[in-house]
Amino acid sequence: LAAAGTPAVAPRWTGGGNRATAAAYAVVSAAGDTLATVTVNQTANGGRWQQLGRWSFPAGWNRVALLRRAPSGAVVVADAVRVR
C-alpha cells in the first residue's frame, strides 16, 4: 500500500467438490506481523469475491497468503485476492 489504511480483503476461487472445507488465509503486515488467519469453505461460493475482513495495514508490502494445507483428497485453490 502506498499509504496506511484499512482496506477490505476478499479472495476468489473456482468452485469444486474436491476443495478444502477449511482453507486458511494468513493476513500479514509489512512489518511481518500476522494480523489474522481466516479459514473459508472453498466447496461453496466459488467464482465470487468473498470478504475475509478489514485490517489496519501500514504503508508498504503487506501480504495475504493462502496456506497450502488441506486434508488428504482435498485441494486449496488460489485464484485472486482483491484489496480495496
Protein backbone atom coordinates (compact mmCIF):
# COMPACT_ATOMS: atom_id res chain seq x y z
CA LEU A 1 0.00 0.00 0.00
CA ALA A 2 1.22 3.48 -0.80
CA ALA A 3 -0.31 4.76 2.46
CA ALA A 4 -1.57 3.15 5.66
CA GLY A 5 -5.22 2.14 5.55
CA THR A 6 -7.95 -0.33 6.48
CA PRO A 7 -9.00 -1.94 3.21
CA ALA A 8 -11.37 -4.85 2.69
CA VAL A 9 -9.63 -8.09 1.72
CA ALA A 10 -11.55 -10.52 -0.49
CA PRO A 11 -10.27 -13.72 -2.15
CA ARG A 12 -11.85 -15.54 -5.07
CA TRP A 13 -11.55 -19.22 -6.02
CA THR A 14 -13.07 -21.59 -8.53
CA GLY A 15 -15.72 -23.94 -7.17
CA GLY A 16 -15.34 -27.68 -7.00
CA GLY A 17 -16.35 -30.66 -4.90
CA ASN A 18 -12.73 -31.55 -4.11
CA ARG A 19 -11.94 -28.20 -2.44
CA ALA A 20 -10.91 -27.86 1.20
CA THR A 21 -13.64 -27.04 3.70
CA ALA A 22 -11.17 -25.04 5.84
CA ALA A 23 -8.75 -23.24 3.51
CA ALA A 24 -6.62 -20.87 5.62
CA TYR A 25 -5.59 -17.37 4.54
CA ALA A 26 -2.85 -15.61 6.51
CA VAL A 27 -3.01 -11.79 6.62
CA VAL A 28 0.48 -10.37 7.22
CA SER A 29 1.54 -6.74 7.69
CA ALA A 30 4.50 -5.08 6.02
CA ALA A 31 6.30 -5.38 9.39
CA GLY A 32 5.93 -9.19 9.20
CA ASP A 33 3.25 -9.45 11.90
CA THR A 34 0.45 -11.95 11.32
CA LEU A 35 -2.72 -9.90 11.76
CA ALA A 36 -5.11 -12.83 11.31
CA THR A 37 -5.57 -16.32 9.94
CA VAL A 38 -9.02 -16.76 8.44
CA THR A 39 -10.47 -20.06 7.22
CA VAL A 40 -13.08 -20.36 4.48
CA ASN A 41 -15.01 -23.24 2.97
CA GLN A 42 -13.87 -23.46 -0.65
CA THR A 43 -16.52 -26.03 -1.54
CA ALA A 44 -19.02 -23.14 -1.53
CA ASN A 45 -19.27 -19.73 -3.20
CA GLY A 46 -16.77 -20.38 -5.98
CA GLY A 47 -16.41 -17.78 -8.69
CA ARG A 48 -17.35 -14.82 -6.45
CA TRP A 49 -15.41 -12.42 -4.23
CA GLN A 50 -15.72 -13.44 -0.56
CA GLN A 51 -14.78 -10.84 2.04
CA LEU A 52 -12.33 -12.07 4.68
CA GLY A 53 -12.43 -8.87 6.72
CA ARG A 54 -10.71 -5.50 7.20
CA TRP A 55 -7.37 -4.90 8.87
CA SER A 56 -5.27 -1.83 9.61
CA PHE A 57 -2.26 -2.14 7.33
CA PRO A 58 0.81 0.10 7.40
CA ALA A 59 2.20 1.52 4.17
CA GLY A 60 4.41 -0.99 2.37
CA TRP A 61 4.38 -4.56 1.14
CA ASN A 62 1.57 -6.28 3.07
CA ARG A 63 0.57 -9.85 2.19
CA VAL A 64 -2.38 -12.21 2.07
CA ALA A 65 -1.27 -15.81 1.60
CA LEU A 66 -3.34 -18.93 1.07
CA LEU A 67 -1.77 -21.70 3.14
CA ARG A 68 -1.43 -24.94 1.21
CA ARG A 69 -2.66 -27.25 3.98
CA ALA A 70 -5.61 -29.49 3.20
CA PRO A 71 -6.78 -32.94 4.31
CA SER A 72 -5.90 -35.86 2.09
CA GLY A 73 -8.07 -35.83 -1.04
CA ALA A 74 -8.86 -32.09 -0.84
CA VAL A 75 -7.16 -29.14 -2.51
CA VAL A 76 -6.94 -25.40 -1.85
CA VAL A 77 -7.29 -23.08 -4.83
CA ALA A 78 -5.84 -19.58 -5.21
CA ASP A 79 -7.44 -17.56 -7.97
CA ALA A 80 -7.03 -13.94 -6.81
CA VAL A 81 -7.17 -11.62 -3.80
CA ARG A 82 -8.73 -8.17 -4.04
CA VAL A 83 -7.76 -5.38 -1.64
CA ARG A 84 -9.75 -2.16 -1.73
